[in-house]
């Protein structure tokens, strides 16, 4: 879905319950996606292994960061172009133990 302007939060909400085996999602450069749309995807997919949100968000919201805590199998996260603080990186590193 890289760079697809038709991908938005409404579409991502359909994935919340409709795709239980989802392992990877790439919404990089999808400008119509917000943290709440991503949160709806990750809240329904604790087995998510890869997530690319590069150049999709300006910053990671607190609810989205809290949602990442449940992704125990997340091994790859790309957040290119997203503003993050040391504190946020520490939370991600502490909670997402499978990151490589």
PDB file of N, CA and C in Angstrom:
ATOM      1  N   UNK A   1       0.815  -1.181   0.000  1.00  0.00           N
ATOM      2  CA  UNK A   1       0.000   0.000   0.000  1.00  0.00           C
ATOM      3  C   UNK A   1       0.866   1.255   0.000  1.00  0.00           C
ATOM      4  N   UNK A   2       2.125   1.128  -0.243  1.00  0.00           N
ATOM      5  CA  UNK A   2       3.062   2.241  -0.158  1.00  0.00           C
ATOM      6  C   UNK A   2       2.606   3.409  -1.024  1.00  0.00           C
ATOM      7  N   UNK A   3       2.466   4.566  -0.393  1.00  0.00           N
ATOM      8  CA  UNK A   3       2.149   5.783  -1.118  1.00  0.00           C
ATOM      9  C   UNK A   3       0.757   5.855  -1.704  1.00  0.00           C
ATOM     10  N   UNK A   4      -0.104   4.965  -1.348  1.00  0.00           N
ATOM     11  CA  UNK A   4      -1.453   4.949  -1.914  1.00  0.00           C
ATOM     12  C   UNK A   4      -2.311   6.001  -1.216  1.00  0.00           C
ATOM     13  N   UNK A   5      -2.763   6.983  -1.956  1.00  0.00           N
ATOM     14  CA  UNK A   5      -3.562   8.052  -1.361  1.00  0.00           C
ATOM     15  C   UNK A   5      -4.976   7.603  -1.015  1.00  0.00           C
ATOM     16  N   UNK A   6      -5.371   6.422  -1.468  1.00  0.00           N
ATOM     17  CA  UNK A   6      -6.704   5.910  -1.159  1.00  0.00           C
ATOM     18  C   UNK A   6      -6.756   5.164   0.179  1.00  0.00           C
ATOM     19  N   UNK A   7      -5.607   4.851   0.737  1.00  0.00           N
ATOM     20  CA  UNK A   7      -5.571   4.168   2.034  1.00  0.00           C
ATOM     21  C   UNK A   7      -5.802   5.211   3.122  1.00  0.00           C
ATOM     22  N   UNK A   8      -6.798   4.955   3.965  1.00  0.00           N
ATOM     23  CA  UNK A   8      -7.104   5.886   5.049  1.00  0.00           C
ATOM     24  C   UNK A   8      -7.521   5.120   6.298  1.00  0.00           C
ATOM     25  N   UNK A   9      -7.869   5.857   7.337  1.00  0.00           N
ATOM     26  CA  UNK A   9      -8.232   5.246   8.617  1.00  0.00           C
ATOM     27  C   UNK A   9      -9.449   4.336   8.503  1.00  0.00           C
ATOM     28  N   UNK A  10     -10.409   4.718   7.673  1.00  0.00           N
ATOM     29  CA  UNK A  10     -11.616   3.890   7.502  1.00  0.00           C
ATOM     30  C   UNK A  10     -11.232   2.523   6.950  1.00  0.00           C
ATOM     31  N   UNK A  11     -10.374   2.501   5.951  1.00  0.00           N
ATOM     32  CA  UNK A  11      -9.925   1.234   5.382  1.00  0.00           C
ATOM     33  C   UNK A  11      -9.142   0.400   6.374  1.00  0.00           C
ATOM     34  N   UNK A  12      -8.305   1.063   7.170  1.00  0.00           N
ATOM     35  CA  UNK A  12      -7.522   0.333   8.166  1.00  0.00           C
ATOM     36  C   UNK A  12      -8.413  -0.272   9.241  1.00  0.00           C
ATOM     37  N   UNK A  13      -9.511   0.387   9.545  1.00  0.00           N
ATOM     38  CA  UNK A  13     -10.428  -0.157  10.560  1.00  0.00           C
ATOM     39  C   UNK A  13     -11.070  -1.462  10.093  1.00  0.00           C
ATOM     40  N   UNK A  14     -11.213  -1.632   8.780  1.00  0.00           N
ATOM     41  CA  UNK A  14     -11.734  -2.900   8.260  1.00  0.00           C
ATOM     42  C   UNK A  14     -10.765  -4.043   8.543  1.00  0.00           C
ATOM     43  N   UNK A  15      -9.475  -3.734   8.585  1.00  0.00           N
ATOM     44  CA  UNK A  15      -8.476  -4.767   8.866  1.00  0.00           C
ATOM     45  C   UNK A  15      -8.491  -5.204  10.325  1.00  0.00           C
ATOM     46  N   UNK A  16      -9.033  -4.367  11.190  1.00  0.00           N
ATOM     47  CA  UNK A  16      -8.992  -4.650  12.629  1.00  0.00           C
ATOM     48  C   UNK A  16      -9.546  -6.026  12.966  1.00  0.00           C
ATOM     49  N   UNK A  17     -10.657  -6.376  12.374  1.00  0.00           N
ATOM     50  CA  UNK A  17     -11.263  -7.676  12.673  1.00  0.00           C
ATOM     51  C   UNK A  17     -11.323  -8.595  11.457  1.00  0.00           C
ATOM     52  N   UNK A  18     -10.989  -8.070  10.294  1.00  0.00           N
ATOM     53  CA  UNK A  18     -11.171  -8.840   9.077  1.00  0.00           C
ATOM     54  C   UNK A  18      -9.958  -9.578   8.563  1.00  0.00           C
ATOM     55  N   UNK A  19      -8.829  -9.478   9.235  1.00  0.00           N
ATOM     56  CA  UNK A  19      -7.608 -10.107   8.732  1.00  0.00           C
ATOM     57  C   UNK A  19      -6.775 -10.633   9.906  1.00  0.00           C
ATOM     58  N   UNK A  20      -7.245 -11.693  10.564  1.00  0.00           N
ATOM     59  CA  UNK A  20      -6.615 -12.151  11.804  1.00  0.00           C
ATOM     60  C   UNK A  20      -5.174 -12.649  11.658  1.00  0.00           C
ATOM     61  N   UNK A  21      -4.762 -13.036  10.471  1.00  0.00           N
ATOM     62  CA  UNK A  21      -3.412 -13.573  10.295  1.00  0.00           C
ATOM     63  C   UNK A  21      -2.416 -12.541   9.770  1.00  0.00           C
ATOM     64  N   UNK A  22      -2.787 -11.272   9.784  1.00  0.00           N
ATOM     65  CA  UNK A  22      -1.921 -10.211   9.282  1.00  0.00           C
ATOM     66  C   UNK A  22      -0.590 -10.210  10.034  1.00  0.00           C
ATOM     67  N   UNK A  23       0.509 -10.272   9.296  1.00  0.00           N
ATOM     68  CA  UNK A  23       1.844 -10.293   9.899  1.00  0.00           C
ATOM     69  C   UNK A  23       2.640  -9.029   9.595  1.00  0.00           C
ATOM     70  N   UNK A  24       2.307  -8.343   8.492  1.00  0.00           N
ATOM     71  CA  UNK A  24       3.063  -7.155   8.101  1.00  0.00           C
ATOM     72  C   UNK A  24       2.130  -6.128   7.482  1.00  0.00           C
ATOM     73  N   UNK A  25       2.427  -4.873   7.744  1.00  0.00           N
ATOM     74  CA  UNK A  25       1.673  -3.788   7.122  1.00  0.00           C
ATOM     75  C   UNK A  25       2.644  -2.675   6.760  1.00  0.00           C
ATOM     76  N   UNK A  26       2.481  -2.140   5.561  1.00  0.00           N
ATOM     77  CA  UNK A  26       3.320  -1.043   5.079  1.00  0.00           C
ATOM     78  C   UNK A  26       2.406   0.068   4.574  1.00  0.00           C
ATOM     79  N   UNK A  27       2.291   1.109   5.346  1.00  0.00           N
ATOM     80  CA  UNK A  27       1.488   2.267   4.950  1.00  0.00           C
ATOM     81  C   UNK A  27       2.392   3.488   4.775  1.00  0.00           C
ATOM     82  N   UNK A  28       3.661   3.243   4.481  1.00  0.00           N
ATOM     83  CA  UNK A  28       4.593   4.348   4.305  1.00  0.00           C
ATOM     84  C   UNK A  28       4.112   5.253   3.171  1.00  0.00           C
ATOM     85  N   UNK A  29       4.250   6.536   3.410  1.00  0.00           N
ATOM     86  CA  UNK A  29       3.865   7.577   2.451  1.00  0.00           C
ATOM     87  C   UNK A  29       2.368   7.605   2.136  1.00  0.00           C
ATOM     88  N   UNK A  30       1.560   6.976   2.954  1.00  0.00           N
ATOM     89  CA  UNK A  30       0.098   7.056   2.816  1.00  0.00           C
ATOM     90  C   UNK A  30      -0.365   8.231   3.676  1.00  0.00           C
ATOM     91  N   UNK A  31      -0.622   9.359   3.050  1.00  0.00           N
ATOM     92  CA  UNK A  31      -0.866  10.603   3.772  1.00  0.00           C
ATOM     93  C   UNK A  31      -2.213  10.691   4.472  1.00  0.00           C
ATOM     94  N   UNK A  32      -3.126   9.781   4.196  1.00  0.00           N
ATOM     95  CA  UNK A  32      -4.460   9.839   4.805  1.00  0.00           C
ATOM     96  C   UNK A  32      -4.588   8.925   6.014  1.00  0.00           C
ATOM     97  N   UNK A  33      -3.470   8.424   6.508  1.00  0.00           N
ATOM     98  CA  UNK A  33      -3.474   7.524   7.661  1.00  0.00           C
ATOM     99  C   UNK A  33      -3.043   8.313   8.898  1.00  0.00           C
ATOM    100  N   UNK A  34      -3.766   8.125   9.986  1.00  0.00           N
ATOM    101  CA  UNK A  34      -3.440   8.810  11.241  1.00  0.00           C
ATOM    102  C   UNK A  34      -3.067   7.777  12.306  1.00  0.00           C
ATOM    103  N   UNK A  35      -2.559   8.230  13.436  1.00  0.00           N
ATOM    104  CA  UNK A  35      -2.261   7.290  14.521  1.00  0.00           C
ATOM    105  C   UNK A  35      -3.469   6.468  14.954  1.00  0.00           C
ATOM    106  N   UNK A  36      -4.666   7.047  14.934  1.00  0.00           N
ATOM    107  CA  UNK A  36      -5.845   6.274  15.358  1.00  0.00           C
ATOM    108  C   UNK A  36      -6.154   5.151  14.374  1.00  0.00           C
ATOM    109  N   UNK A  37      -5.928   5.365  13.088  1.00  0.00           N
ATOM    110  CA  UNK A  37      -6.119   4.302  12.104  1.00  0.00           C
ATOM    111  C   UNK A  37      -5.135   3.171  12.313  1.00  0.00           C
ATOM    112  N   UNK A  38      -3.888   3.520  12.574  1.00  0.00           N
ATOM    113  CA  UNK A  38      -2.879   2.493  12.849  1.00  0.00           C
ATOM    114  C   UNK A  38      -3.176   1.757  14.141  1.00  0.00           C
ATOM    115  N   UNK A  39      -3.670   2.477  15.129  1.00  0.00           N
ATOM    116  CA  UNK A  39      -4.014   1.845  16.396  1.00  0.00           C
ATOM    117  C   UNK A  39      -5.105   0.805  16.208  1.00  0.00           C
ATOM    118  N   UNK A  40      -6.059   1.069  15.325  1.00  0.00           N
ATOM    119  CA  UNK A  40      -7.115   0.083  15.085  1.00  0.00           C
ATOM    120  C   UNK A  40      -6.547  -1.188  14.466  1.00  0.00           C
ATOM    121  N   UNK A  41      -5.511  -1.063  13.654  1.00  0.00           N
ATOM    122  CA  UNK A  41      -4.885  -2.249  13.057  1.00  0.00           C
ATOM    123  C   UNK A  41      -4.094  -3.023  14.104  1.00  0.00           C
ATOM    124  N   UNK A  42      -3.257  -2.341  14.868  1.00  0.00           N
ATOM    125  CA  UNK A  42      -2.409  -3.080  15.799  1.00  0.00           C
ATOM    126  C   UNK A  42      -3.193  -3.638  16.978  1.00  0.00           C
ATOM    127  N   UNK A  43      -4.308  -3.005  17.333  1.00  0.00           N
ATOM    128  CA  UNK A  43      -5.077  -3.543  18.458  1.00  0.00           C
ATOM    129  C   UNK A  43      -5.730  -4.869  18.109  1.00  0.00           C
ATOM    130  N   UNK A  44      -5.937  -5.141  16.850  1.00  0.00           N
ATOM    131  CA  UNK A  44      -6.529  -6.409  16.461  1.00  0.00           C
ATOM    132  C   UNK A  44      -5.535  -7.440  15.978  1.00  0.00           C
ATOM    133  N   UNK A  45      -4.243  -7.102  16.011  1.00  0.00           N
ATOM    134  CA  UNK A  45      -3.226  -7.995  15.442  1.00  0.00           C
ATOM    135  C   UNK A  45      -1.983  -8.062  16.320  1.00  0.00           C
ATOM    136  N   UNK A  46      -2.113  -8.706  17.460  1.00  0.00           N
ATOM    137  CA  UNK A  46      -0.985  -8.810  18.377  1.00  0.00           C
ATOM    138  C   UNK A  46       0.165  -9.630  17.794  1.00  0.00           C
ATOM    139  N   UNK A  47      -0.079 -10.400  16.740  1.00  0.00           N
ATOM    140  CA  UNK A  47       0.961 -11.196  16.100  1.00  0.00           C
ATOM    141  C   UNK A  47       1.691 -10.461  14.989  1.00  0.00           C
ATOM    142  N   UNK A  48       1.439  -9.166  14.844  1.00  0.00           N
ATOM    143  CA  UNK A  48       2.086  -8.368  13.805  1.00  0.00           C
ATOM    144  C   UNK A  48       3.599  -8.410  13.986  1.00  0.00           C
ATOM    145  N   UNK A  49       4.321  -8.684  12.901  1.00  0.00           N
ATOM    146  CA  UNK A  49       5.774  -8.813  12.956  1.00  0.00           C
ATOM    147  C   UNK A  49       6.504  -7.636  12.332  1.00  0.00           C
ATOM    148  N   UNK A  50       5.878  -6.994  11.333  1.00  0.00           N
ATOM    149  CA  UNK A  50       6.535  -5.894  10.636  1.00  0.00           C
ATOM    150  C   UNK A  50       5.555  -4.748  10.434  1.00  0.00           C
ATOM    151  N   UNK A  51       6.038  -3.533  10.664  1.00  0.00           N
ATOM    152  CA  UNK A  51       5.198  -2.365  10.463  1.00  0.00           C
ATOM    153  C   UNK A  51       6.056  -1.235   9.908  1.00  0.00           C
ATOM    154  N   UNK A  52       5.633  -0.681   8.786  1.00  0.00           N
ATOM    155  CA  UNK A  52       6.336   0.438   8.167  1.00  0.00           C
ATOM    156  C   UNK A  52       5.377   1.612   8.085  1.00  0.00           C
ATOM    157  N   UNK A  53       5.679   2.660   8.829  1.00  0.00           N
ATOM    158  CA  UNK A  53       4.860   3.873   8.815  1.00  0.00           C
ATOM    159  C   UNK A  53       5.709   5.079   8.409  1.00  0.00           C
ATOM    160  N   UNK A  54       6.783   4.825   7.673  1.00  0.00           N
ATOM    161  CA  UNK A  54       7.684   5.887   7.262  1.00  0.00           C
ATOM    162  C   UNK A  54       6.986   6.958   6.442  1.00  0.00           C
ATOM    163  N   UNK A  55       7.243   8.204   6.779  1.00  0.00           N
ATOM    164  CA  UNK A  55       6.707   9.372   6.083  1.00  0.00           C
ATOM    165  C   UNK A  55       5.186   9.357   5.992  1.00  0.00           C
ATOM    166  N   UNK A  56       4.569   8.700   6.948  1.00  0.00           N
ATOM    167  CA  UNK A  56       3.109   8.606   7.011  1.00  0.00           C
ATOM    168  C   UNK A  56       2.589   9.484   8.142  1.00  0.00           C
ATOM    169  N   UNK A  57       3.335   9.550   9.222  1.00  0.00           N
ATOM    170  CA  UNK A  57       2.946  10.309  10.409  1.00  0.00           C
ATOM    171  C   UNK A  57       4.009  11.356  10.713  1.00  0.00           C
ATOM    172  N   UNK A  58       3.594  12.427  11.358  1.00  0.00           N
ATOM    173  CA  UNK A  58       4.584  13.417  11.779  1.00  0.00           C
ATOM    174  C   UNK A  58       5.180  13.044  13.135  1.00  0.00           C
ATOM    175  N   UNK A  59       4.362  12.407  13.979  1.00  0.00           N
ATOM    176  CA  UNK A  59       4.856  11.942  15.271  1.00  0.00           C
ATOM    177  C   UNK A  59       4.017  10.764  15.745  1.00  0.00           C
ATOM    178  N   UNK A  60       4.538  10.022  16.708  1.00  0.00           N
ATOM    179  CA  UNK A  60       3.822   8.882  17.272  1.00  0.00           C
ATOM    180  C   UNK A  60       3.015   9.358  18.474  1.00  0.00           C
ATOM    181  N   UNK A  61       1.730   9.084  18.463  1.00  0.00           N
ATOM    182  CA  UNK A  61       0.869   9.514  19.566  1.00  0.00           C
ATOM    183  C   UNK A  61       1.030   8.583  20.764  1.00  0.00           C
ATOM    184  N   UNK A  62       0.648   9.070  21.937  1.00  0.00           N
ATOM    185  CA  UNK A  62       0.730   8.258  23.158  1.00  0.00           C
ATOM    186  C   UNK A  62      -0.110   6.987  23.058  1.00  0.00           C
ATOM    187  N   UNK A  63      -1.361   7.052  22.551  1.00  0.00           N
ATOM    188  CA  UNK A  63      -2.138   5.808  22.423  1.00  0.00           C
ATOM    189  C   UNK A  63      -1.482   4.799  21.475  1.00  0.00           C
ATOM    190  N   UNK A  64      -0.867   5.291  20.405  1.00  0.00           N
ATOM    191  CA  UNK A  64      -0.200   4.384  19.470  1.00  0.00           C
ATOM    192  C   UNK A  64       1.006   3.730  20.142  1.00  0.00           C
ATOM    193  N   UNK A  65       1.770   4.497  20.882  1.00  0.00           N
ATOM    194  CA  UNK A  65       2.915   3.940  21.613  1.00  0.00           C
ATOM    195  C   UNK A  65       2.441   2.884  22.602  1.00  0.00           C
ATOM    196  N   UNK A  66       1.359   3.160  23.303  1.00  0.00           N
ATOM    197  CA  UNK A  66       0.813   2.172  24.243  1.00  0.00           C
ATOM    198  C   UNK A  66       0.354   0.918  23.521  1.00  0.00           C
ATOM    199  N   UNK A  67      -0.194   1.068  22.321  1.00  0.00           N
ATOM    200  CA  UNK A  67      -0.615  -0.086  21.532  1.00  0.00           C
ATOM    201  C   UNK A  67       0.556  -0.951  21.105  1.00  0.00           C
ATOM    202  N   UNK A  68       1.704  -0.331  20.876  1.00  0.00           N
ATOM    203  CA  UNK A  68       2.892  -1.090  20.482  1.00  0.00           C
ATOM    204  C   UNK A  68       3.339  -2.049  21.575  1.00  0.00           C
ATOM    205  N   UNK A  69       2.993  -1.748  22.809  1.00  0.00           N
ATOM    206  CA  UNK A  69       3.399  -2.596  23.932  1.00  0.00           C
ATOM    207  C   UNK A  69       2.860  -4.016  23.812  1.00  0.00           C
ATOM    208  N   UNK A  70       1.761  -4.188  23.097  1.00  0.00           N
ATOM    209  CA  UNK A  70       1.142  -5.510  22.958  1.00  0.00           C
ATOM    210  C   UNK A  70       1.691  -6.315  21.786  1.00  0.00           C
ATOM    211  N   UNK A  71       2.564  -5.715  20.994  1.00  0.00           N
ATOM    212  CA  UNK A  71       3.091  -6.400  19.816  1.00  0.00           C
ATOM    213  C   UNK A  71       4.379  -7.134  20.170  1.00  0.00           C
ATOM    214  N   UNK A  72       4.237  -8.240  20.858  1.00  0.00           N
ATOM    215  CA  UNK A  72       5.397  -8.996  21.336  1.00  0.00           C
ATOM    216  C   UNK A  72       6.225  -9.606  20.221  1.00  0.00           C
ATOM    217  N   UNK A  73       5.636  -9.817  19.047  1.00  0.00           N
ATOM    218  CA  UNK A  73       6.356 -10.444  17.943  1.00  0.00           C
ATOM    219  C   UNK A  73       6.883  -9.433  16.933  1.00  0.00           C
ATOM    220  N   UNK A  74       6.679  -8.147  17.183  1.00  0.00           N
ATOM    221  CA  UNK A  74       7.139  -7.117  16.258  1.00  0.00           C
ATOM    222  C   UNK A  74       8.660  -7.151  16.171  1.00  0.00           C
ATOM    223  N   UNK A  75       9.179  -7.463  14.991  1.00  0.00           N
ATOM    224  CA  UNK A  75      10.628  -7.552  14.825  1.00  0.00           C
ATOM    225  C   UNK A  75      11.181  -6.411  13.978  1.00  0.00           C
ATOM    226  N   UNK A  76      10.318  -5.761  13.198  1.00  0.00           N
ATOM    227  CA  UNK A  76      10.754  -4.651  12.349  1.00  0.00           C
ATOM    228  C   UNK A  76       9.735  -3.527  12.449  1.00  0.00           C
ATOM    229  N   UNK A  77      10.212  -2.337  12.753  1.00  0.00           N
ATOM    230  CA  UNK A  77       9.363  -1.150  12.711  1.00  0.00           C
ATOM    231  C   UNK A  77      10.154  -0.053  12.014  1.00  0.00           C
ATOM    232  N   UNK A  78       9.557   0.526  10.987  1.00  0.00           N
ATOM    233  CA  UNK A  78      10.199   1.616  10.251  1.00  0.00           C
ATOM    234  C   UNK A  78       9.411   2.877  10.521  1.00  0.00           C
ATOM    235  N   UNK A  79      10.091   3.867  11.035  1.00  0.00           N
ATOM    236  CA  UNK A  79       9.437   5.123  11.379  1.00  0.00           C
ATOM    237  C   UNK A  79      10.193   6.299  10.748  1.00  0.00           C
ATOM    238  N   UNK A  80      10.688   6.099   9.535  1.00  0.00           N
ATOM    239  CA  UNK A  80      11.409   7.151   8.824  1.00  0.00           C
ATOM    240  C   UNK A  80      10.553   8.414   8.744  1.00  0.00           C
ATOM    241  N   UNK A  81      11.147   9.554   9.001  1.00  0.00           N
ATOM    242  CA  UNK A  81      10.448  10.822   8.878  1.00  0.00           C
ATOM    243  C   UNK A  81       9.490  11.130  10.010  1.00  0.00           C
ATOM    244  N   UNK A  82       9.430  10.261  11.009  1.00  0.00           N
ATOM    245  CA  UNK A  82       8.535  10.470  12.151  1.00  0.00           C
ATOM    246  C   UNK A  82       9.357  11.062  13.300  1.00  0.00           C
ATOM    247  N   UNK A  83       8.841  12.115  13.885  1.00  0.00           N
ATOM    248  CA  UNK A  83       9.525  12.752  15.008  1.00  0.00           C
ATOM    249  C   UNK A  83       9.356  11.883  16.253  1.00  0.00           C
ATOM    250  N   UNK A  84      10.475  11.467  16.840  1.00  0.00           N
ATOM    251  CA  UNK A  84      10.425  10.650  18.057  1.00  0.00           C
ATOM    252  C   UNK A  84      11.428  11.199  19.072  1.00  0.00           C
ATOM    253  N   UNK A  85      11.119  11.006  20.311  1.00  0.00           N
ATOM    254  CA  UNK A  85      12.020  11.435  21.383  1.00  0.00           C
ATOM    255  C   UNK A  85      12.776  10.222  21.919  1.00  0.00           C
ATOM    256  N   UNK A  86      13.773  10.488  22.720  1.00  0.00           N
ATOM    257  CA  UNK A  86      14.508   9.405  23.377  1.00  0.00           C
ATOM    258  C   UNK A  86      13.572   8.568  24.236  1.00  0.00           C
ATOM    259  N   UNK A  87      12.628   9.231  24.895  1.00  0.00           N
ATOM    260  CA  UNK A  87      11.671   8.545  25.757  1.00  0.00           C
ATOM    261  C   UNK A  87      10.827   7.547  24.961  1.00  0.00           C
ATOM    262  N   UNK A  88      10.357   7.958  23.793  1.00  0.00           N
ATOM    263  CA  UNK A  88       9.542   7.066  22.955  1.00  0.00           C
ATOM    264  C   UNK A  88      10.375   5.885  22.482  1.00  0.00           C
ATOM    265  N   UNK A  89      11.608   6.132  22.075  1.00  0.00           N
ATOM    266  CA  UNK A  89      12.477   5.027  21.654  1.00  0.00           C
ATOM    267  C   UNK A  89      12.730   4.064  22.805  1.00  0.00           C
ATOM    268  N   UNK A  90      12.847   4.593  24.000  1.00  0.00           N
ATOM    269  CA  UNK A  90      13.048   3.738  25.173  1.00  0.00           C
ATOM    270  C   UNK A  90      11.821   2.864  25.420  1.00  0.00           C
ATOM    271  N   UNK A  91      10.626   3.429  25.290  1.00  0.00           N
ATOM    272  CA  UNK A  91       9.395   2.652  25.470  1.00  0.00           C
ATOM    273  C   UNK A  91       9.308   1.546  24.432  1.00  0.00           C
ATOM    274  N   UNK A  92       9.592   1.885  23.175  1.00  0.00           N
ATOM    275  CA  UNK A  92       9.545   0.881  22.106  1.00  0.00           C
ATOM    276  C   UNK A  92      10.566  -0.219  22.384  1.00  0.00           C
ATOM    277  N   UNK A  93      11.789   0.164  22.721  1.00  0.00           N
ATOM    278  CA  UNK A  93      12.834  -0.817  22.989  1.00  0.00           C
ATOM    279  C   UNK A  93      12.545  -1.707  24.184  1.00  0.00           C
ATOM    280  N   UNK A  94      11.922  -1.153  25.191  1.00  0.00           N
ATOM    281  CA  UNK A  94      11.602  -1.909  26.398  1.00  0.00           C
ATOM    282  C   UNK A  94      10.476  -2.907  26.169  1.00  0.00           C
ATOM    283  N   UNK A  95       9.489  -2.521  25.398  1.00  0.00           N
ATOM    284  CA  UNK A  95       8.287  -3.343  25.252  1.00  0.00           C
ATOM    285  C   UNK A  95       8.278  -4.258  24.036  1.00  0.00           C
ATOM    286  N   UNK A  96       8.979  -3.901  23.003  1.00  0.00           N
ATOM    287  CA  UNK A  96       8.989  -4.723  21.784  1.00  0.00           C
ATOM    288  C   UNK A  96      10.284  -5.525  21.767  1.00  0.00           C
ATOM    289  N   UNK A  97      10.307  -6.603  22.502  1.00  0.00           N
ATOM    290  CA  UNK A  97      11.520  -7.394  22.739  1.00  0.00           C
ATOM    291  C   UNK A  97      12.046  -8.112  21.497  1.00  0.00           C
ATOM    292  N   UNK A  98      11.206  -8.279  20.471  1.00  0.00           N
ATOM    293  CA  UNK A  98      11.633  -9.021  19.284  1.00  0.00           C
ATOM    294  C   UNK A  98      12.264  -8.137  18.219  1.00  0.00           C
ATOM    295  N   UNK A  99      12.365  -6.838  18.465  1.00  0.00           N
ATOM    296  CA  UNK A  99      12.966  -5.949  17.468  1.00  0.00           C
ATOM    297  C   UNK A  99      14.414  -6.331  17.216  1.00  0.00           C
ATOM    298  N   UNK A 100      14.795  -6.289  15.948  1.00  0.00           N
ATOM    299  CA  UNK A 100      16.178  -6.607  15.587  1.00  0.00           C
ATOM    300  C   UNK A 100      16.907  -5.360  15.157  1.00  0.00           C
TER     301      UNK A 100
END
